[in-house]
Amino acid sequence: MIKKLVAIVLVFATSALFGMSVGELNKASKEDLMQIKGIGEAKAEAIIKHRKKSPFKSFADVEEVKGVGPALAGNIKNDVHQKAPSSKTKKKETKKSKKKETAKSEKKEKK
C-alpha cells in the first residue's frame, strides 16, 4: 500500500516538474503556446478556439485540433520549447533589420 502511494506521489511530482498539465494547456496564452516546438500562430489560435468550445480533459483531446498529431501532442505534453536562435542567427537578423531601416529612411529622404 505504501509503495503504491509513493509511486503515485512520484508520478504527480514528476509531471508537475516536467511538462505542461492539462489545466495549464486550458489556460495558456497564444504566446505561451507558440513557444512550444511545432506550434505557430495558426495552431495556437486553433487550440484556443477548440478549448473555448470544449476544454481539454486529456492530452489525447488535443489531437482533435486540426493539424495536431501525436508528435505535436507529445511536444505539448512535455512542454518542448522551440530552440532559441543562435548568436549567429541573431547577428544576421540584426544586420537585416538595420539594412531595412536604412532603406526606409533613404526612401523617406528622397520624398
PDB file of N, CA and C in Angstrom:
ATOM      1  N   MET A   1       0.818  -1.187   0.000  1.00  0.00           N
ATOM      2  CA  MET A   1       0.000   0.000   0.000  1.00  0.00           C
ATOM      3  C   MET A   1       0.869   1.261   0.000  1.00  0.00           C
ATOM      4  N   ILE A   2       1.866   1.273   0.848  1.00  0.00           N
ATOM      5  CA  ILE A   2       2.748   2.438   0.931  1.00  0.00           C
ATOM      6  C   ILE A   2       3.524   2.606  -0.374  1.00  0.00           C
ATOM      7  N   LYS A   3       3.925   1.500  -0.995  1.00  0.00           N
ATOM      8  CA  LYS A   3       4.660   1.576  -2.257  1.00  0.00           C
ATOM      9  C   LYS A   3       3.800   2.217  -3.336  1.00  0.00           C
ATOM     10  N   LYS A   4       2.518   1.852  -3.379  1.00  0.00           N
ATOM     11  CA  LYS A   4       1.618   2.434  -4.379  1.00  0.00           C
ATOM     12  C   LYS A   4       1.445   3.926  -4.146  1.00  0.00           C
ATOM     13  N   LEU A   5       1.291   4.303  -2.906  1.00  0.00           N
ATOM     14  CA  LEU A   5       1.125   5.710  -2.567  1.00  0.00           C
ATOM     15  C   LEU A   5       2.371   6.518  -2.949  1.00  0.00           C
ATOM     16  N   VAL A   6       3.536   5.982  -2.654  1.00  0.00           N
ATOM     17  CA  VAL A   6       4.791   6.643  -3.009  1.00  0.00           C
ATOM     18  C   VAL A   6       4.918   6.748  -4.529  1.00  0.00           C
ATOM     19  N   ALA A   7       4.548   5.696  -5.228  1.00  0.00           N
ATOM     20  CA  ALA A   7       4.617   5.718  -6.692  1.00  0.00           C
ATOM     21  C   ALA A   7       3.689   6.778  -7.267  1.00  0.00           C
ATOM     22  N   ILE A   8       2.493   6.889  -6.729  1.00  0.00           N
ATOM     23  CA  ILE A   8       1.539   7.889  -7.218  1.00  0.00           C
ATOM     24  C   ILE A   8       2.065   9.301  -6.960  1.00  0.00           C
ATOM     25  N   VAL A   9       2.593   9.512  -5.782  1.00  0.00           N
ATOM     26  CA  VAL A   9       3.144  10.827  -5.444  1.00  0.00           C
ATOM     27  C   VAL A   9       4.306  11.165  -6.373  1.00  0.00           C
ATOM     28  N   LEU A  10       5.161  10.213  -6.660  1.00  0.00           N
ATOM     29  CA  LEU A  10       6.300  10.458  -7.565  1.00  0.00           C
ATOM     30  C   LEU A  10       5.831  10.790  -8.972  1.00  0.00           C
ATOM     31  N   VAL A  11       4.817  10.094  -9.442  1.00  0.00           N
ATOM     32  CA  VAL A  11       4.296  10.358 -10.790  1.00  0.00           C
ATOM     33  C   VAL A  11       3.766  11.787 -10.868  1.00  0.00           C
ATOM     34  N   PHE A  12       2.977  12.180  -9.875  1.00  0.00           N
ATOM     35  CA  PHE A  12       2.437  13.537  -9.888  1.00  0.00           C
ATOM     36  C   PHE A  12       3.531  14.587  -9.716  1.00  0.00           C
ATOM     37  N   ALA A  13       4.498  14.317  -8.878  1.00  0.00           N
ATOM     38  CA  ALA A  13       5.597  15.255  -8.679  1.00  0.00           C
ATOM     39  C   ALA A  13       6.410  15.411  -9.951  1.00  0.00           C
ATOM     40  N   THR A  14       6.673  14.316 -10.632  1.00  0.00           N
ATOM     41  CA  THR A  14       7.437  14.362 -11.873  1.00  0.00           C
ATOM     42  C   THR A  14       6.684  15.128 -12.947  1.00  0.00           C
ATOM     43  N   SER A  15       5.390  14.867 -13.075  1.00  0.00           N
ATOM     44  CA  SER A  15       4.616  15.571 -14.097  1.00  0.00           C
ATOM     45  C   SER A  15       4.492  17.051 -13.769  1.00  0.00           C
ATOM     46  N   ALA A  16       4.492  17.388 -12.488  1.00  0.00           N
ATOM     47  CA  ALA A  16       4.433  18.798 -12.103  1.00  0.00           C
ATOM     48  C   ALA A  16       5.748  19.512 -12.416  1.00  0.00           C
ATOM     49  N   LEU A  17       6.865  18.810 -12.281  1.00  0.00           N
ATOM     50  CA  LEU A  17       8.166  19.418 -12.549  1.00  0.00           C
ATOM     51  C   LEU A  17       8.481  19.500 -14.032  1.00  0.00           C
ATOM     52  N   PHE A  18       8.075  18.494 -14.768  1.00  0.00           N
ATOM     53  CA  PHE A  18       8.408  18.414 -16.188  1.00  0.00           C
ATOM     54  C   PHE A  18       7.131  18.359 -16.996  1.00  0.00           C
ATOM     55  N   GLY A  19       6.999  19.285 -17.914  1.00  0.00           N
ATOM     56  CA  GLY A  19       5.865  19.235 -18.810  1.00  0.00           C
ATOM     57  C   GLY A  19       4.718  20.124 -18.375  1.00  0.00           C
ATOM     58  N   MET A  20       3.739  20.163 -19.231  1.00  0.00           N
ATOM     59  CA  MET A  20       2.577  21.019 -19.047  1.00  0.00           C
ATOM     60  C   MET A  20       1.415  20.153 -18.598  1.00  0.00           C
ATOM     61  N   SER A  21       0.613  20.649 -17.690  1.00  0.00           N
ATOM     62  CA  SER A  21      -0.572  19.912 -17.271  1.00  0.00           C
ATOM     63  C   SER A  21      -1.726  20.287 -18.198  1.00  0.00           C
ATOM     64  N   VAL A  22      -2.774  19.491 -18.166  1.00  0.00           N
ATOM     65  CA  VAL A  22      -3.948  19.786 -18.990  1.00  0.00           C
ATOM     66  C   VAL A  22      -4.562  21.113 -18.556  1.00  0.00           C
ATOM     67  N   GLY A  23      -4.545  21.375 -17.252  1.00  0.00           N
ATOM     68  CA  GLY A  23      -5.060  22.649 -16.752  1.00  0.00           C
ATOM     69  C   GLY A  23      -4.281  23.832 -17.305  1.00  0.00           C
ATOM     70  N   GLU A  24      -2.965  23.692 -17.368  1.00  0.00           N
ATOM     71  CA  GLU A  24      -2.129  24.761 -17.937  1.00  0.00           C
ATOM     72  C   GLU A  24      -2.413  24.932 -19.424  1.00  0.00           C
ATOM     73  N   LEU A  25      -2.650  23.840 -20.100  1.00  0.00           N
ATOM     74  CA  LEU A  25      -2.969  23.898 -21.530  1.00  0.00           C
ATOM     75  C   LEU A  25      -4.274  24.650 -21.743  1.00  0.00           C
ATOM     76  N   ASN A  26      -5.227  24.438 -20.860  1.00  0.00           N
ATOM     77  CA  ASN A  26      -6.515  25.117 -20.984  1.00  0.00           C
ATOM     78  C   ASN A  26      -6.426  26.604 -20.655  1.00  0.00           C
ATOM     79  N   LYS A  27      -5.360  27.042 -20.001  1.00  0.00           N
ATOM     80  CA  LYS A  27      -5.202  28.446 -19.623  1.00  0.00           C
ATOM     81  C   LYS A  27      -4.097  29.164 -20.380  1.00  0.00           C
ATOM     82  N   ALA A  28      -3.273  28.432 -21.121  1.00  0.00           N
ATOM     83  CA  ALA A  28      -2.102  29.017 -21.776  1.00  0.00           C
ATOM     84  C   ALA A  28      -2.503  30.088 -22.785  1.00  0.00           C
ATOM     85  N   SER A  29      -1.732  31.154 -22.810  1.00  0.00           N
ATOM     86  CA  SER A  29      -1.961  32.230 -23.779  1.00  0.00           C
ATOM     87  C   SER A  29      -1.447  31.793 -25.150  1.00  0.00           C
ATOM     88  N   LYS A  30      -1.810  32.564 -26.139  1.00  0.00           N
ATOM     89  CA  LYS A  30      -1.341  32.297 -27.501  1.00  0.00           C
ATOM     90  C   LYS A  30       0.183  32.322 -27.552  1.00  0.00           C
ATOM     91  N   GLU A  31       0.768  33.292 -26.870  1.00  0.00           N
ATOM     92  CA  GLU A  31       2.224  33.417 -26.850  1.00  0.00           C
ATOM     93  C   GLU A  31       2.873  32.222 -26.163  1.00  0.00           C
ATOM     94  N   ASP A  32       2.258  31.754 -25.072  1.00  0.00           N
ATOM     95  CA  ASP A  32       2.780  30.572 -24.380  1.00  0.00           C
ATOM     96  C   ASP A  32       2.751  29.357 -25.295  1.00  0.00           C
ATOM     97  N   LEU A  33       1.646  29.185 -25.996  1.00  0.00           N
ATOM     98  CA  LEU A  33       1.515  28.038 -26.896  1.00  0.00           C
ATOM     99  C   LEU A  33       2.527  28.119 -28.034  1.00  0.00           C
ATOM    100  N   MET A  34       2.788  29.324 -28.509  1.00  0.00           N
ATOM    101  CA  MET A  34       3.708  29.487 -29.636  1.00  0.00           C
ATOM    102  C   MET A  34       5.158  29.203 -29.252  1.00  0.00           C
ATOM    103  N   GLN A  35       5.444  29.111 -27.967  1.00  0.00           N
ATOM    104  CA  GLN A  35       6.792  28.765 -27.514  1.00  0.00           C
ATOM    105  C   GLN A  35       7.059  27.268 -27.656  1.00  0.00           C
ATOM    106  N   ILE A  36       6.003  26.492 -27.838  1.00  0.00           N
ATOM    107  CA  ILE A  36       6.149  25.043 -27.941  1.00  0.00           C
ATOM    108  C   ILE A  36       6.533  24.679 -29.368  1.00  0.00           C
ATOM    109  N   LYS A  37       7.493  23.801 -29.490  1.00  0.00           N
ATOM    110  CA  LYS A  37       8.008  23.385 -30.797  1.00  0.00           C
ATOM    111  C   LYS A  37       6.870  22.822 -31.644  1.00  0.00           C
ATOM    112  N   GLY A  38       6.697  23.387 -32.834  1.00  0.00           N
ATOM    113  CA  GLY A  38       5.684  22.905 -33.774  1.00  0.00           C
ATOM    114  C   GLY A  38       4.397  23.708 -33.763  1.00  0.00           C
ATOM    115  N   ILE A  39       4.294  24.688 -32.849  1.00  0.00           N
ATOM    116  CA  ILE A  39       3.072  25.500 -32.790  1.00  0.00           C
ATOM    117  C   ILE A  39       3.394  26.918 -33.224  1.00  0.00           C
ATOM    118  N   GLY A  40       2.722  27.312 -34.279  1.00  0.00           N
ATOM    119  CA  GLY A  40       2.820  28.693 -34.741  1.00  0.00           C
ATOM    120  C   GLY A  40       1.550  29.426 -34.382  1.00  0.00           C
ATOM    121  N   GLU A  41       1.371  30.575 -34.995  1.00  0.00           N
ATOM    122  CA  GLU A  41       0.217  31.409 -34.668  1.00  0.00           C
ATOM    123  C   GLU A  41      -1.101  30.712 -34.998  1.00  0.00           C
ATOM    124  N   ALA A  42      -1.185  30.088 -36.172  1.00  0.00           N
ATOM    125  CA  ALA A  42      -2.437  29.453 -36.595  1.00  0.00           C
ATOM    126  C   ALA A  42      -2.832  28.289 -35.687  1.00  0.00           C
ATOM    127  N   LYS A  43      -1.872  27.441 -35.331  1.00  0.00           N
ATOM    128  CA  LYS A  43      -2.197  26.305 -34.463  1.00  0.00           C
ATOM    129  C   LYS A  43      -2.535  26.763 -33.055  1.00  0.00           C
ATOM    130  N   ALA A  44      -1.846  27.789 -32.576  1.00  0.00           N
ATOM    131  CA  ALA A  44      -2.158  28.319 -31.250  1.00  0.00           C
ATOM    132  C   ALA A  44      -3.593  28.838 -31.224  1.00  0.00           C
ATOM    133  N   GLU A  45      -3.974  29.556 -32.280  1.00  0.00           N
ATOM    134  CA  GLU A  45      -5.344  30.066 -32.359  1.00  0.00           C
ATOM    135  C   GLU A  45      -6.350  28.929 -32.451  1.00  0.00           C
ATOM    136  N   ALA A  46      -6.011  27.875 -33.210  1.00  0.00           N
ATOM    137  CA  ALA A  46      -6.913  26.725 -33.336  1.00  0.00           C
ATOM    138  C   ALA A  46      -7.085  26.011 -31.993  1.00  0.00           C
ATOM    139  N   ILE A  47      -6.003  25.894 -31.243  1.00  0.00           N
ATOM    140  CA  ILE A  47      -6.072  25.252 -29.920  1.00  0.00           C
ATOM    141  C   ILE A  47      -6.954  26.075 -28.990  1.00  0.00           C
ATOM    142  N   ILE A  48      -6.777  27.380 -29.003  1.00  0.00           N
ATOM    143  CA  ILE A  48      -7.574  28.260 -28.142  1.00  0.00           C
ATOM    144  C   ILE A  48      -9.047  28.205 -28.536  1.00  0.00           C
ATOM    145  N   LYS A  49      -9.318  28.225 -29.831  1.00  0.00           N
ATOM    146  CA  LYS A  49     -10.703  28.151 -30.314  1.00  0.00           C
ATOM    147  C   LYS A  49     -11.351  26.839 -29.874  1.00  0.00           C
ATOM    148  N   HIS A  50     -10.622  25.739 -30.002  1.00  0.00           N
ATOM    149  CA  HIS A  50     -11.153  24.425 -29.628  1.00  0.00           C
ATOM    150  C   HIS A  50     -11.430  24.346 -28.137  1.00  0.00           C
ATOM    151  N   ARG A  51     -10.517  24.837 -27.319  1.00  0.00           N
ATOM    152  CA  ARG A  51     -10.692  24.716 -25.866  1.00  0.00           C
ATOM    153  C   ARG A  51     -11.787  25.629 -25.337  1.00  0.00           C
ATOM    154  N   LYS A  52     -12.126  26.704 -26.090  1.00  0.00           N
ATOM    155  CA  LYS A  52     -13.255  27.546 -25.679  1.00  0.00           C
ATOM    156  C   LYS A  52     -14.565  26.782 -25.824  1.00  0.00           C
ATOM    157  N   LYS A  53     -14.667  25.962 -26.871  1.00  0.00           N
ATOM    158  CA  LYS A  53     -15.862  25.144 -27.084  1.00  0.00           C
ATOM    159  C   LYS A  53     -15.914  24.008 -26.076  1.00  0.00           C
ATOM    160  N   SER A  54     -14.766  23.383 -25.884  1.00  0.00           N
ATOM    161  CA  SER A  54     -14.693  22.202 -25.027  1.00  0.00           C
ATOM    162  C   SER A  54     -13.296  22.113 -24.423  1.00  0.00           C
ATOM    163  N   PRO A  55     -13.142  22.447 -23.135  1.00  0.00           N
ATOM    164  CA  PRO A  55     -11.820  22.366 -22.512  1.00  0.00           C
ATOM    165  C   PRO A  55     -11.231  20.956 -22.621  1.00  0.00           C
ATOM    166  N   PHE A  56      -9.920  20.894 -22.740  1.00  0.00           N
ATOM    167  CA  PHE A  56      -9.239  19.611 -22.854  1.00  0.00           C
ATOM    168  C   PHE A  56      -9.299  18.876 -21.524  1.00  0.00           C
ATOM    169  N   LYS A  57      -9.624  17.588 -21.593  1.00  0.00           N
ATOM    170  CA  LYS A  57      -9.659  16.748 -20.395  1.00  0.00           C
ATOM    171  C   LYS A  57      -8.412  15.877 -20.313  1.00  0.00           C
ATOM    172  N   SER A  58      -7.779  15.660 -21.469  1.00  0.00           N
ATOM    173  CA  SER A  58      -6.529  14.896 -21.519  1.00  0.00           C
ATOM    174  C   SER A  58      -5.737  15.380 -22.724  1.00  0.00           C
ATOM    175  N   PHE A  59      -4.471  14.962 -22.787  1.00  0.00           N
ATOM    176  CA  PHE A  59      -3.652  15.370 -23.923  1.00  0.00           C
ATOM    177  C   PHE A  59      -4.097  14.686 -25.209  1.00  0.00           C
ATOM    178  N   ALA A  60      -4.791  13.573 -25.094  1.00  0.00           N
ATOM    179  CA  ALA A  60      -5.322  12.908 -26.279  1.00  0.00           C
ATOM    180  C   ALA A  60      -6.361  13.800 -26.960  1.00  0.00           C
ATOM    181  N   ASP A  61      -7.074  14.619 -26.178  1.00  0.00           N
ATOM    182  CA  ASP A  61      -8.072  15.529 -26.740  1.00  0.00           C
ATOM    183  C   ASP A  61      -7.443  16.573 -27.658  1.00  0.00           C
ATOM    184  N   VAL A  62      -6.189  16.909 -27.424  1.00  0.00           N
ATOM    185  CA  VAL A  62      -5.510  17.926 -28.233  1.00  0.00           C
ATOM    186  C   VAL A  62      -5.422  17.472 -29.679  1.00  0.00           C
ATOM    187  N   GLU A  63      -5.348  16.168 -29.894  1.00  0.00           N
ATOM    188  CA  GLU A  63      -5.243  15.647 -31.255  1.00  0.00           C
ATOM    189  C   GLU A  63      -6.509  15.871 -32.069  1.00  0.00           C
ATOM    190  N   GLU A  64      -7.585  16.292 -31.429  1.00  0.00           N
ATOM    191  CA  GLU A  64      -8.819  16.618 -32.148  1.00  0.00           C
ATOM    192  C   GLU A  64      -8.692  17.938 -32.898  1.00  0.00           C
ATOM    193  N   VAL A  65      -7.727  18.753 -32.518  1.00  0.00           N
ATOM    194  CA  VAL A  65      -7.492  20.036 -33.182  1.00  0.00           C
ATOM    195  C   VAL A  65      -6.842  19.761 -34.531  1.00  0.00           C
ATOM    196  N   LYS A  66      -7.380  20.396 -35.565  1.00  0.00           N
ATOM    197  CA  LYS A  66      -6.845  20.196 -36.911  1.00  0.00           C
ATOM    198  C   LYS A  66      -5.366  20.567 -36.952  1.00  0.00           C
ATOM    199  N   GLY A  67      -4.540  19.655 -37.475  1.00  0.00           N
ATOM    200  CA  GLY A  67      -3.112  19.899 -37.611  1.00  0.00           C
ATOM    201  C   GLY A  67      -2.282  19.434 -36.425  1.00  0.00           C
ATOM    202  N   VAL A  68      -2.942  18.905 -35.398  1.00  0.00           N
ATOM    203  CA  VAL A  68      -2.214  18.415 -34.229  1.00  0.00           C
ATOM    204  C   VAL A  68      -2.263  16.889 -34.231  1.00  0.00           C
ATOM    205  N   GLY A  69      -1.091  16.280 -34.354  1.00  0.00           N
ATOM    206  CA  GLY A  69      -0.985  14.829 -34.334  1.00  0.00           C
ATOM    207  C   GLY A  69      -0.302  14.361 -33.073  1.00  0.00           C
ATOM    208  N   PRO A  70       0.006  13.078 -33.009  1.00  0.00           N
ATOM    209  CA  PRO A  70       0.622  12.515 -31.805  1.00  0.00           C
ATOM    210  C   PRO A  70       1.958  13.169 -31.431  1.00  0.00           C
ATOM    211  N   ALA A  71       2.774  13.487 -32.419  1.00  0.00           N
ATOM    212  CA  ALA A  71       4.091  14.086 -32.123  1.00  0.00           C
ATOM    213  C   ALA A  71       3.931  15.464 -31.491  1.00  0.00           C
ATOM    214  N   LEU A  72       3.065  16.286 -32.070  1.00  0.00           N
ATOM    215  CA  LEU A  72       2.857  17.630 -31.528  1.00  0.00           C
ATOM    216  C   LEU A  72       2.164  17.551 -30.168  1.00  0.00           C
ATOM    217  N   ALA A  73       1.233  16.633 -30.008  1.00  0.00           N
ATOM    218  CA  ALA A  73       0.582  16.446 -28.704  1.00  0.00           C
ATOM    219  C   ALA A  73       1.637  16.071 -27.659  1.00  0.00           C
ATOM    220  N   GLY A  74       2.604  15.264 -28.054  1.00  0.00           N
ATOM    221  CA  GLY A  74       3.710  14.908 -27.154  1.00  0.00           C
ATOM    222  C   GLY A  74       4.553  16.110 -26.797  1.00  0.00           C
ATOM    223  N   ASN A  75       4.814  16.984 -27.785  1.00  0.00           N
ATOM    224  CA  ASN A  75       5.577  18.211 -27.513  1.00  0.00           C
ATOM    225  C   ASN A  75       4.826  19.098 -26.524  1.00  0.00           C
ATOM    226  N   ILE A  76       3.506  19.170 -26.688  1.00  0.00           N
ATOM    227  CA  ILE A  76       2.698  19.986 -25.784  1.00  0.00           C
ATOM    228  C   ILE A  76       2.742  19.382 -24.388  1.00  0.00           C
ATOM    229  N   LYS A  77       2.541  18.080 -24.311  1.00  0.00           N
ATOM    230  CA  LYS A  77       2.526  17.399 -23.016  1.00  0.00           C
ATOM    231  C   LYS A  77       3.856  17.561 -22.294  1.00  0.00           C
ATOM    232  N   ASN A  78       4.928  17.458 -23.028  1.00  0.00           N
ATOM    233  CA  ASN A  78       6.262  17.549 -22.437  1.00  0.00           C
ATOM    234  C   ASN A  78       6.810  18.967 -22.443  1.00  0.00           C
ATOM    235  N   ASP A  79       6.005  19.909 -22.954  1.00  0.00           N
ATOM    236  CA  ASP A  79       6.375  21.319 -22.988  1.00  0.00           C
ATOM    237  C   ASP A  79       7.728  21.519 -23.658  1.00  0.00           C
ATOM    238  N   VAL A  80       7.865  20.934 -24.845  1.00  0.00           N
ATOM    239  CA  VAL A  80       9.111  21.034 -25.600  1.00  0.00           C
ATOM    240  C   VAL A  80       9.133  22.393 -26.294  1.00  0.00           C
ATOM    241  N   HIS A  81      10.056  23.246 -25.860  1.00  0.00           N
ATOM    242  CA  HIS A  81      10.134  24.601 -26.395  1.00  0.00           C
ATOM    243  C   HIS A  81      10.955  24.659 -27.672  1.00  0.00           C
ATOM    244  N   GLN A  82      10.683  25.700 -28.435  1.00  0.00           N
ATOM    245  CA  GLN A  82      11.446  25.979 -29.641  1.00  0.00           C
ATOM    246  C   GLN A  82      12.878  26.258 -29.228  1.00  0.00           C
ATOM    247  N   LYS A  83      13.806  25.962 -30.092  1.00  0.00           N
ATOM    248  CA  LYS A  83      15.200  26.312 -29.813  1.00  0.00           C
ATOM    249  C   LYS A  83      15.354  27.815 -29.930  1.00  0.00           C
ATOM    250  N   ALA A  84      16.075  28.379 -29.004  1.00  0.00           N
ATOM    251  CA  ALA A  84      16.365  29.808 -29.069  1.00  0.00           C
ATOM    252  C   ALA A  84      17.305  30.054 -30.236  1.00  0.00           C
ATOM    253  N   PRO A  85      17.138  31.168 -30.926  1.00  0.00           N
ATOM    254  CA  PRO A  85      18.029  31.441 -32.043  1.00  0.00           C
ATOM    255  C   PRO A  85      19.477  31.538 -31.570  1.00  0.00           C
ATOM    256  N   SER A  86      20.371  31.018 -32.392  1.00  0.00           N
ATOM    257  CA  SER A  86      21.786  31.071 -32.031  1.00  0.00           C
ATOM    258  C   SER A  86      22.286  32.502 -32.153  1.00  0.00           C
ATOM    259  N   SER A  87      23.459  32.758 -31.633  1.00  0.00           N
ATOM    260  CA  SER A  87      24.016  34.110 -31.706  1.00  0.00           C
ATOM    261  C   SER A  87      24.272  34.506 -33.156  1.00  0.00           C
ATOM    262  N   LYS A  88      24.621  33.539 -34.016  1.00  0.00           N
ATOM    263  CA  LYS A  88      24.837  33.849 -35.430  1.00  0.00           C
ATOM    264  C   LYS A  88      23.536  34.305 -36.068  1.00  0.00           C
ATOM    265  N   THR A  89      22.433  33.623 -35.743  1.00  0.00           N
ATOM    266  CA  THR A  89      21.132  33.983 -36.290  1.00  0.00           C
ATOM    267  C   THR A  89      20.741  35.378 -35.821  1.00  0.00           C
ATOM    268  N   LYS A  90      20.974  35.673 -34.552  1.00  0.00           N
ATOM    269  CA  LYS A  90      20.646  36.986 -34.014  1.00  0.00           C
ATOM    270  C   LYS A  90      21.429  38.068 -34.733  1.00  0.00           C
ATOM    271  N   LYS A  91      22.732  37.802 -35.011  1.00  0.00           N
ATOM    272  CA  LYS A  91      23.561  38.789 -35.699  1.00  0.00           C
ATOM    273  C   LYS A  91      23.035  39.039 -37.107  1.00  0.00           C
ATOM    274  N   LYS A  92      22.645  37.954 -37.804  1.00  0.00           N
ATOM    275  CA  LYS A  92      22.104  38.102 -39.156  1.00  0.00           C
ATOM    276  C   LYS A  92      20.818  38.910 -39.124  1.00  0.00           C
ATOM    277  N   GLU A  93      19.940  38.610 -38.151  1.00  0.00           N
ATOM    278  CA  GLU A  93      18.682  39.344 -38.050  1.00  0.00           C
ATOM    279  C   GLU A  93      18.936  40.817 -37.770  1.00  0.00           C
ATOM    280  N   THR A  94      19.909  41.101 -36.924  1.00  0.00           N
ATOM    281  CA  THR A  94      20.229  42.483 -36.606  1.00  0.00           C
ATOM    282  C   THR A  94      20.727  43.213 -37.849  1.00  0.00           C
ATOM    283  N   LYS A  95      21.605  42.576 -38.622  1.00  0.00           N
ATOM    284  CA  LYS A  95      22.109  43.198 -39.841  1.00  0.00           C
ATOM    285  C   LYS A  95      20.977  43.444 -40.831  1.00  0.00           C
ATOM    286  N   LYS A  96      20.066  42.456 -40.979  1.00  0.00           N
ATOM    287  CA  LYS A  96      18.940  42.612 -41.903  1.00  0.00           C
ATOM    288  C   LYS A  96      18.028  43.747 -41.472  1.00  0.00           C
ATOM    289  N   SER A  97      17.724  43.821 -40.186  1.00  0.00           N
ATOM    290  CA  SER A  97      16.827  44.873 -39.709  1.00  0.00           C
ATOM    291  C   SER A  97      17.470  46.251 -39.878  1.00  0.00           C
ATOM    292  N   LYS A  98      18.795  46.345 -39.686  1.00  0.00           N
ATOM    293  CA  LYS A  98      19.481  47.619 -39.882  1.00  0.00           C
ATOM    294  C   LYS A  98      19.428  48.045 -41.348  1.00  0.00           C
ATOM    295  N   LYS A  99      19.604  47.063 -42.254  1.00  0.00           N
ATOM    296  CA  LYS A  99      19.534  47.370 -43.684  1.00  0.00           C
ATOM    297  C   LYS A  99      18.147  47.869 -44.052  1.00  0.00           C
ATOM    298  N   LYS A 100      17.107  47.211 -43.500  1.00  0.00           N
ATOM    299  CA  LYS A 100      15.735  47.627 -43.797  1.00  0.00           C
ATOM    300  C   LYS A 100      15.468  49.029 -43.287  1.00  0.00           C
ATOM    301  N   GLU A 101      15.923  49.321 -42.089  1.00  0.00           N
ATOM    302  CA  GLU A 101      15.731  50.650 -41.517  1.00  0.00           C
ATOM    303  C   GLU A 101      16.435  51.702 -42.355  1.00  0.00           C
ATOM    304  N   THR A 102      17.643  51.406 -42.804  1.00  0.00           N
ATOM    305  CA  THR A 102      18.404  52.339 -43.636  1.00  0.00           C
ATOM    306  C   THR A 102      17.675  52.580 -44.953  1.00  0.00           C
ATOM    307  N   ALA A 103      17.183  51.521 -45.557  1.00  0.00           N
ATOM    308  CA  ALA A 103      16.468  51.642 -46.829  1.00  0.00           C
ATOM    309  C   ALA A 103      15.199  52.474 -46.653  1.00  0.00           C
ATOM    310  N   LYS A 104      14.477  52.275 -45.564  1.00  0.00           N
ATOM    311  CA  LYS A 104      13.260  53.038 -45.316  1.00  0.00           C
ATOM    312  C   LYS A 104      13.570  54.517 -45.124  1.00  0.00           C
ATOM    313  N   SER A 105      14.608  54.807 -44.370  1.00  0.00           N
ATOM    314  CA  SER A 105      14.951  56.213 -44.120  1.00  0.00           C
ATOM    315  C   SER A 105      15.427  56.884 -45.403  1.00  0.00           C
ATOM    316  N   GLU A 106      16.118  56.139 -46.270  1.00  0.00           N
ATOM    317  CA  GLU A 106      16.569  56.702 -47.537  1.00  0.00           C
ATOM    318  C   GLU A 106      15.384  57.023 -48.434  1.00  0.00           C
ATOM    319  N   LYS A 107      14.359  56.154 -48.424  1.00  0.00           N
ATOM    320  CA  LYS A 107      13.161  56.409 -49.228  1.00  0.00           C
ATOM    321  C   LYS A 107      12.443  57.654 -48.742  1.00  0.00           C
ATOM    322  N   LYS A 108      12.353  57.824 -47.435  1.00  0.00           N
ATOM    323  CA  LYS A 108      11.690  58.992 -46.875  1.00  0.00           C
ATOM    324  C   LYS A 108      12.433  60.257 -47.235  1.00  0.00           C
ATOM    325  N   GLU A 109      13.764  60.201 -47.232  1.00  0.00           N
ATOM    326  CA  GLU A 109      14.562  61.376 -47.559  1.00  0.00           C
ATOM    327  C   GLU A 109      14.387  61.762 -49.026  1.00  0.00           C
ATOM    328  N   LYS A 110      14.209  60.790 -49.911  1.00  0.00           N
ATOM    329  CA  LYS A 110      14.035  61.064 -51.336  1.00  0.00           C
ATOM    330  C   LYS A 110      12.709  61.757 -51.603  1.00  0.00           C
ATOM    331  N   LYS A 111      11.702  61.493 -50.780  1.00  0.00           N
ATOM    332  CA  LYS A 111      10.382  62.096 -50.977  1.00  0.00           C
ATOM    333  C   LYS A 111      10.422  63.497 -50.514  1.00  0.00           C
TER     334      LYS A 111
END
